C-alpha atoms as a PDB file:
ATOM      1  CA  MET A   1      24.130 -36.538 -23.388  1.00  0.00           C
ATOM      2  CA  VAL A   2      25.539 -38.916 -20.785  1.00  0.00           C
ATOM      3  CA  HIS A   3      23.643 -41.537 -18.810  1.00  0.00           C
ATOM      4  CA  SER A   4      24.733 -41.948 -15.038  1.00  0.00           C
ATOM      5  CA  ILE A   5      24.237 -45.335 -13.830  1.00  0.00           C
ATOM      6  CA  ILE A   6      24.719 -44.325 -10.142  1.00  0.00           C
ATOM      7  CA  LEU A   7      21.886 -41.456 -10.629  1.00  0.00           C
ATOM      8  CA  ASN A   8      20.036 -43.325 -13.254  1.00  0.00           C
ATOM      9  CA  GLU A   9      19.307 -40.496 -15.344  1.00  0.00           C
ATOM     10  CA  ASP A  10      20.525 -38.750 -18.205  1.00  0.00           C
ATOM     11  CA  ARG A  11      22.657 -35.342 -18.092  1.00  0.00           C
ATOM     12  CA  VAL A  12      23.005 -32.942 -20.748  1.00  0.00           C
ATOM     13  CA  ILE A  13      26.606 -31.855 -21.257  1.00  0.00           C
ATOM     14  CA  TRP A  14      27.552 -28.559 -23.043  1.00  0.00           C
ATOM     15  CA  VAL A  15      31.125 -27.969 -24.372  1.00  0.00           C
ATOM     16  CA  ARG A  16      32.465 -24.491 -25.100  1.00  0.00           C
ATOM     17  CA  THR A  17      35.838 -24.197 -26.508  1.00  0.00           C
ATOM     18  CA  PRO A  18      38.339 -21.171 -27.020  1.00  0.00           C
ATOM     19  CA  ARG A  19      38.148 -19.177 -30.178  1.00  0.00           C
ATOM     20  CA  ALA A  20      41.540 -20.762 -31.355  1.00  0.00           C
ATOM     21  CA  TYR A  21      40.659 -24.185 -30.433  1.00  0.00           C
ATOM     22  CA  GLU A  22      40.243 -25.536 -33.992  1.00  0.00           C
ATOM     23  CA  HIS A  23      43.497 -23.967 -35.294  1.00  0.00           C
ATOM     24  CA  GLU A  24      45.774 -24.863 -32.551  1.00  0.00           C
ATOM     25  CA  LYS A  25      47.127 -27.856 -31.356  1.00  0.00           C
ATOM     26  CA  ALA A  26      47.361 -26.862 -27.753  1.00  0.00           C
ATOM     27  CA  ALA A  27      46.350 -28.405 -24.452  1.00  0.00           C
ATOM     28  CA  TYR A  28      43.824 -26.340 -22.576  1.00  0.00           C
ATOM     29  CA  PRO A  29      42.702 -26.256 -18.964  1.00  0.00           C
ATOM     30  CA  VAL A  30      39.149 -27.339 -18.577  1.00  0.00           C
ATOM     31  CA  LEU A  31      36.543 -25.859 -16.264  1.00  0.00           C
ATOM     32  CA  TYR A  32      33.677 -27.791 -15.188  1.00  0.00           C
ATOM     33  CA  LEU A  33      30.441 -25.810 -14.635  1.00  0.00           C
ATOM     34  CA  MET A  34      27.491 -27.036 -12.594  1.00  0.00           C
ATOM     35  CA  ASP A  35      24.026 -25.688 -13.871  1.00  0.00           C
ATOM     36  CA  GLY A  36      25.457 -25.503 -17.295  1.00  0.00           C
ATOM     37  CA  PRO A  37      22.623 -24.118 -19.167  1.00  0.00           C
ATOM     38  CA  ALA A  38      22.042 -21.193 -16.949  1.00  0.00           C
ATOM     39  CA  HIS A  39      25.595 -19.908 -16.899  1.00  0.00           C
ATOM     40  CA  ILE A  40      27.917 -21.478 -19.688  1.00  0.00           C
ATOM     41  CA  ASN A  41      27.632 -18.333 -22.083  1.00  0.00           C
ATOM     42  CA  GLU A  42      28.224 -15.837 -19.227  1.00  0.00           C
ATOM     43  CA  ILE A  43      31.074 -17.787 -17.675  1.00  0.00           C
ATOM     44  CA  GLY A  44      32.484 -18.550 -21.141  1.00  0.00           C
ATOM     45  CA  SER A  45      32.478 -14.822 -22.192  1.00  0.00           C
ATOM     46  CA  THR A  46      34.101 -13.937 -18.851  1.00  0.00           C
ATOM     47  CA  ILE A  47      36.856 -16.395 -19.575  1.00  0.00           C
ATOM     48  CA  ASP A  48      37.314 -15.133 -23.254  1.00  0.00           C
ATOM     49  CA  PHE A  49      37.661 -11.609 -21.853  1.00  0.00           C
ATOM     50  CA  LEU A  50      40.161 -12.479 -19.208  1.00  0.00           C
ATOM     51  CA  ALA A  51      42.128 -14.713 -21.563  1.00  0.00           C
ATOM     52  CA  GLU A  52      42.387 -12.078 -24.280  1.00  0.00           C
ATOM     53  CA  ASN A  53      43.891  -9.682 -21.686  1.00  0.00           C
ATOM     54  CA  ASN A  54      46.246 -12.242 -20.267  1.00  0.00           C
ATOM     55  CA  ARG A  55      44.642 -12.951 -16.962  1.00  0.00           C
ATOM     56  CA  VAL A  56      43.853 -16.520 -17.279  1.00  0.00           C
ATOM     57  CA  PRO A  57      44.763 -18.961 -19.924  1.00  0.00           C
ATOM     58  CA  PRO A  58      42.311 -19.884 -22.710  1.00  0.00           C
ATOM     59  CA  MET A  59      40.205 -22.778 -21.484  1.00  0.00           C
ATOM     60  CA  ILE A  60      37.508 -25.329 -22.228  1.00  0.00           C
ATOM     61  CA  VAL A  61      34.333 -24.883 -20.266  1.00  0.00           C
ATOM     62  CA  VAL A  62      32.049 -27.866 -19.727  1.00  0.00           C
ATOM     63  CA  GLY A  63      28.558 -27.124 -18.695  1.00  0.00           C
ATOM     64  CA  ILE A  64      26.636 -30.018 -16.805  1.00  0.00           C
ATOM     65  CA  ALA A  65      22.857 -29.735 -16.499  1.00  0.00           C
ATOM     66  CA  ASN A  66      21.249 -30.144 -13.142  1.00  0.00           C
ATOM     67  CA  THR A  67      18.345 -32.365 -13.042  1.00  0.00           C
ATOM     68  CA  ASP A  68      17.092 -31.922  -9.579  1.00  0.00           C
ATOM     69  CA  ARG A  69      19.059 -29.931  -7.102  1.00  0.00           C
ATOM     70  CA  THR A  70      17.050 -31.190  -4.110  1.00  0.00           C
ATOM     71  CA  ALA A  71      17.384 -34.886  -4.610  1.00  0.00           C
ATOM     72  CA  THR A  72      18.467 -37.150  -1.945  1.00  0.00           C
END
């Protein structure tokens, strides 16, 4: 959880790493995903599939929870 001083609220953060992350000392691109809880597994699985087929590099997916989409 991360606290935003500007928004004065806490945000839950999810981090999904590539399968080889723990065994390789590589740098990975990072994809930041809004509405993390609703989409992180679907997007992460799609990225894994594309990476296994050499369409995109393996990457870290960071999902950020949205607390109030209509806040002004």
